[in-house]
N, C-alpha and C. Protein backbone atom coordinates (compact mmCIF):
# COMPACT_ATOMS: atom_id res chain seq x y z
N MET A 1 14.51 -9.57 15.18
CA MET A 1 13.33 -10.37 15.55
C MET A 1 11.99 -9.71 14.93
N ARG A 2 11.87 -8.36 15.05
CA ARG A 2 10.78 -7.72 14.62
C ARG A 2 10.53 -8.01 12.98
N SER A 3 11.63 -8.21 12.24
CA SER A 3 11.48 -8.29 10.81
C SER A 3 11.03 -9.85 10.42
N ILE A 4 10.91 -10.68 11.21
CA ILE A 4 10.60 -12.14 10.99
C ILE A 4 9.06 -12.17 10.31
N LEU A 5 8.18 -11.49 10.87
CA LEU A 5 6.92 -11.58 10.20
C LEU A 5 6.80 -10.86 8.82
N PHE A 6 7.72 -9.83 8.68
CA PHE A 6 7.76 -9.12 7.33
C PHE A 6 8.37 -10.13 6.32
N ARG A 7 9.52 -10.76 6.71
CA ARG A 7 10.12 -11.67 5.84
C ARG A 7 9.39 -12.88 5.58
N ALA A 8 8.57 -13.43 6.47
CA ALA A 8 7.64 -14.49 6.44
C ALA A 8 6.49 -14.23 5.38
N GLU A 9 6.07 -12.98 5.45
CA GLU A 9 4.98 -12.51 4.64
C GLU A 9 5.42 -12.37 3.01
N ALA A 10 6.69 -11.94 2.91
CA ALA A 10 7.19 -11.79 1.69
C ALA A 10 7.37 -13.17 1.04
N LYS A 11 7.91 -14.17 1.85
CA LYS A 11 8.16 -15.42 1.40
C LYS A 11 6.86 -16.19 0.98
N MET A 12 6.00 -15.95 1.92
CA MET A 12 4.48 -16.51 1.74
C MET A 12 3.92 -15.97 0.19
N ARG A 13 4.08 -14.72 0.08
CA ARG A 13 3.62 -14.04 -1.12
C ARG A 13 4.25 -14.88 -2.40
N ARG A 14 5.57 -14.94 -2.40
CA ARG A 14 6.50 -15.50 -3.43
C ARG A 14 6.04 -17.04 -3.78
N ALA A 15 5.81 -17.84 -2.52
CA ALA A 15 5.47 -19.33 -2.68
C ALA A 15 4.13 -19.43 -3.20
N THR A 16 3.36 -18.66 -2.88
CA THR A 16 1.75 -18.77 -3.20
C THR A 16 1.50 -18.02 -4.61
N GLY A 17 2.43 -17.44 -5.15
CA GLY A 17 2.09 -16.58 -6.32
C GLY A 17 1.34 -15.29 -6.18
N TYR A 18 1.19 -14.89 -5.03
CA TYR A 18 0.45 -13.70 -4.73
C TYR A 18 1.47 -12.74 -4.40
N GLU A 19 2.69 -12.68 -4.94
CA GLU A 19 3.76 -11.60 -4.62
C GLU A 19 3.33 -10.19 -4.81
N HIS A 20 2.44 -10.05 -5.87
CA HIS A 20 2.12 -8.54 -6.12
C HIS A 20 0.65 -8.45 -5.91
N HIS A 21 -0.02 -9.23 -5.46
CA HIS A 21 -1.61 -9.05 -5.24
C HIS A 21 -2.09 -9.64 -3.81
N ILE A 22 -2.13 -8.92 -2.97
CA ILE A 22 -2.98 -9.37 -1.78
C ILE A 22 -3.81 -8.12 -1.27
N PRO A 23 -4.94 -8.08 -1.86
CA PRO A 23 -5.78 -6.80 -1.80
C PRO A 23 -5.99 -6.36 -0.40
N THR A 24 -6.24 -7.27 0.59
CA THR A 24 -6.51 -7.06 1.89
C THR A 24 -5.47 -6.32 2.57
N ILE A 25 -4.16 -6.80 2.38
CA ILE A 25 -3.22 -6.10 2.86
C ILE A 25 -2.98 -4.65 2.32
N GLU A 26 -3.08 -4.48 0.98
CA GLU A 26 -3.07 -3.33 0.29
C GLU A 26 -4.25 -2.29 0.94
N VAL A 27 -5.44 -2.75 1.18
CA VAL A 27 -6.54 -1.87 1.57
C VAL A 27 -6.14 -1.49 2.92
N THR A 28 -5.70 -2.29 3.89
CA THR A 28 -5.29 -2.02 5.27
C THR A 28 -4.23 -1.08 5.25
N ASP A 29 -3.24 -1.28 4.39
CA ASP A 29 -2.05 -0.37 4.49
C ASP A 29 -2.55 1.04 4.12
N ALA A 30 -3.42 1.03 3.09
CA ALA A 30 -3.94 2.47 2.57
C ALA A 30 -4.80 3.20 3.56
N LEU A 31 -5.55 2.26 4.44
CA LEU A 31 -6.48 2.80 5.47
C LEU A 31 -5.41 3.40 6.58
N PHE A 32 -4.25 2.59 6.89
CA PHE A 32 -3.55 3.00 8.05
C PHE A 32 -2.80 4.30 7.49
N ALA A 33 -2.27 4.33 6.44
CA ALA A 33 -1.58 5.61 5.89
C ALA A 33 -2.37 6.75 5.90
N SER A 34 -3.77 6.64 5.39
CA SER A 34 -4.61 7.84 5.54
C SER A 34 -4.83 8.33 6.87
N MET A 35 -4.69 7.57 7.99
CA MET A 35 -5.11 7.83 9.34
C MET A 35 -3.65 8.35 10.17
N THR A 36 -2.63 8.20 9.37
CA THR A 36 -1.19 8.60 10.10
C THR A 36 -0.48 9.35 9.02
N ARG A 37 0.63 9.95 9.73
CA ARG A 37 1.43 10.87 8.82
C ARG A 37 2.92 10.34 9.34
N PRO A 38 3.87 10.78 8.58
CA PRO A 38 5.32 10.41 8.74
C PRO A 38 5.79 11.07 10.07
N ASP A 39 6.52 10.19 10.88
CA ASP A 39 7.11 10.59 12.21
C ASP A 39 8.22 11.49 12.05
N LYS A 40 8.05 12.65 11.46
CA LYS A 40 9.33 13.49 11.27
C LYS A 40 9.96 14.05 12.58
N LEU A 41 9.16 14.06 13.56
CA LEU A 41 9.76 14.40 14.97
C LEU A 41 10.42 13.46 15.73
N GLY A 42 10.40 12.11 15.19
CA GLY A 42 10.99 11.06 15.97
C GLY A 42 10.52 10.85 17.30
N LEU A 43 9.17 10.76 17.35
CA LEU A 43 8.39 10.40 18.57
C LEU A 43 8.44 8.84 18.79
N ILE A 44 8.31 8.10 17.87
CA ILE A 44 8.30 6.74 18.20
C ILE A 44 9.41 6.12 18.89
N PRO A 45 10.60 6.45 18.54
CA PRO A 45 11.78 5.84 19.20
C PRO A 45 11.89 6.49 20.61
N MET A 46 11.22 7.72 20.96
CA MET A 46 11.39 8.25 22.15
C MET A 46 10.44 7.44 23.06
N ILE A 47 9.29 7.01 22.67
CA ILE A 47 8.18 6.32 23.39
C ILE A 47 8.76 4.90 23.63
N MET A 48 9.28 4.27 22.39
CA MET A 48 9.69 2.84 22.37
C MET A 48 10.75 2.80 21.74
N PRO A 49 11.89 2.85 22.47
CA PRO A 49 13.33 2.79 21.85
C PRO A 49 13.54 1.48 21.06
N TRP A 50 14.30 1.60 19.85
CA TRP A 50 14.57 0.45 19.03
C TRP A 50 15.47 -0.50 19.85
N ASP A 51 15.20 -1.79 19.52
CA ASP A 51 16.12 -2.82 20.17
C ASP A 51 17.68 -2.70 19.68
N GLN A 52 18.35 -3.83 20.15
CA GLN A 52 19.96 -3.70 19.76
C GLN A 52 19.90 -3.86 18.12
N ASP A 53 19.12 -4.28 17.39
CA ASP A 53 19.17 -4.48 16.08
C ASP A 53 19.05 -3.02 15.34
N GLY A 54 18.69 -1.98 16.04
CA GLY A 54 18.46 -0.73 15.57
C GLY A 54 17.14 -0.45 15.03
N PRO A 55 16.85 0.60 14.28
CA PRO A 55 15.53 0.90 13.54
C PRO A 55 15.01 -0.16 12.57
N PRO A 56 13.79 -0.28 12.48
CA PRO A 56 13.17 -1.19 11.47
C PRO A 56 13.69 -0.88 10.10
N ALA A 57 13.54 -1.84 9.26
CA ALA A 57 13.94 -1.66 7.94
C ALA A 57 12.91 -0.60 7.37
N LYS A 58 13.34 0.06 6.18
CA LYS A 58 12.41 0.99 5.46
C LYS A 58 11.18 0.23 5.02
N GLU A 59 11.35 -0.91 4.68
CA GLU A 59 10.09 -1.78 4.05
C GLU A 59 8.91 -1.84 5.17
N GLU A 60 9.46 -1.65 6.39
CA GLU A 60 8.48 -1.74 7.56
C GLU A 60 8.09 -0.39 7.90
N TRP A 61 7.57 0.42 6.83
CA TRP A 61 7.20 1.79 6.89
C TRP A 61 6.22 2.16 8.14
N TRP A 62 5.33 1.29 8.43
CA TRP A 62 4.33 1.61 9.42
C TRP A 62 5.06 2.11 10.81
N TRP A 63 6.28 1.51 11.09
CA TRP A 63 6.92 1.88 12.38
C TRP A 63 7.40 3.39 12.26
N TYR A 64 7.36 4.09 11.08
CA TYR A 64 7.76 5.51 10.86
C TYR A 64 6.71 6.46 10.73
N ARG A 65 5.37 5.97 11.40
CA ARG A 65 4.25 6.83 11.09
C ARG A 65 3.65 7.12 12.51
N ILE A 66 3.05 8.14 12.80
CA ILE A 66 2.31 8.48 13.86
C ILE A 66 0.63 8.96 13.62
N PRO A 67 -0.12 8.95 14.53
CA PRO A 67 -1.39 9.37 14.25
C PRO A 67 -1.37 10.70 13.55
N ALA A 68 -2.41 10.97 12.55
CA ALA A 68 -2.49 12.40 11.96
C ALA A 68 -3.09 13.40 12.85
N ASP A 69 -3.89 12.92 13.68
CA ASP A 69 -4.64 13.93 14.65
C ASP A 69 -5.17 13.08 15.74
N GLY A 70 -5.87 13.90 16.78
CA GLY A 70 -6.58 13.16 17.67
C GLY A 70 -5.91 13.02 18.76
N SER A 71 -6.58 12.41 19.81
CA SER A 71 -6.06 12.18 21.21
C SER A 71 -4.91 11.20 21.37
N ILE A 72 -4.62 10.33 20.45
CA ILE A 72 -3.43 9.60 20.64
C ILE A 72 -2.22 10.35 20.17
N LEU A 73 -2.32 11.27 19.01
CA LEU A 73 -1.18 12.01 18.76
C LEU A 73 -1.03 12.96 20.00
N GLU A 74 -2.10 13.67 20.61
CA GLU A 74 -1.93 14.69 21.66
C GLU A 74 -1.07 13.87 22.74
N GLU A 75 -1.49 12.58 23.08
CA GLU A 75 -0.68 11.82 24.05
C GLU A 75 0.71 11.64 23.71
N PHE A 76 1.06 11.29 22.52
CA PHE A 76 2.35 11.19 21.99
C PHE A 76 3.25 12.44 22.39
N LEU A 77 2.61 13.53 21.90
CA LEU A 77 3.25 14.84 21.94
C LEU A 77 3.48 15.16 23.54
N SER A 78 2.50 14.88 24.31
CA SER A 78 2.64 15.15 25.69
C SER A 78 3.78 14.40 26.44
N MET A 79 3.64 13.12 26.03
CA MET A 79 4.69 12.12 26.71
C MET A 79 6.13 12.47 26.21
N THR A 80 6.28 12.79 24.97
CA THR A 80 7.74 13.05 24.46
C THR A 80 8.22 14.42 25.03
N ALA A 81 7.17 15.45 25.21
CA ALA A 81 7.62 16.81 25.70
C ALA A 81 8.07 16.58 27.21
N LYS A 82 7.51 15.72 27.90
CA LYS A 82 7.90 15.40 29.30
C LYS A 82 9.31 14.79 29.22
N MET A 83 9.57 13.88 28.27
CA MET A 83 10.72 13.10 28.36
C MET A 83 11.96 14.29 27.83
N ARG A 84 11.54 15.04 26.96
CA ARG A 84 12.58 16.10 26.57
C ARG A 84 12.88 17.08 27.67
N ALA A 85 11.80 17.31 28.54
CA ALA A 85 12.16 18.20 29.65
C ALA A 85 13.11 17.67 30.72
N ILE A 86 13.21 16.40 30.70
CA ILE A 86 13.90 15.74 31.90
C ILE A 86 15.44 15.96 31.74
């Protein structure tokens, strides 16, 4: 289910001829990537377990990133530390 939007976007790009050029998405992706880092600790699935379909496709790279710093990262670390302690 979670891949429906990703596949729909890819189809839309091919159908409209914008398969390799949608600057708004590219700019947004770059901004998101600049404020996040890879989730090497596996925090995301601890907080929000993957559904029965398993983890997202690698093309859905944003699911594998966490905040680079700040209060949201601190909250993630706090929540997952409590989960690991149980």
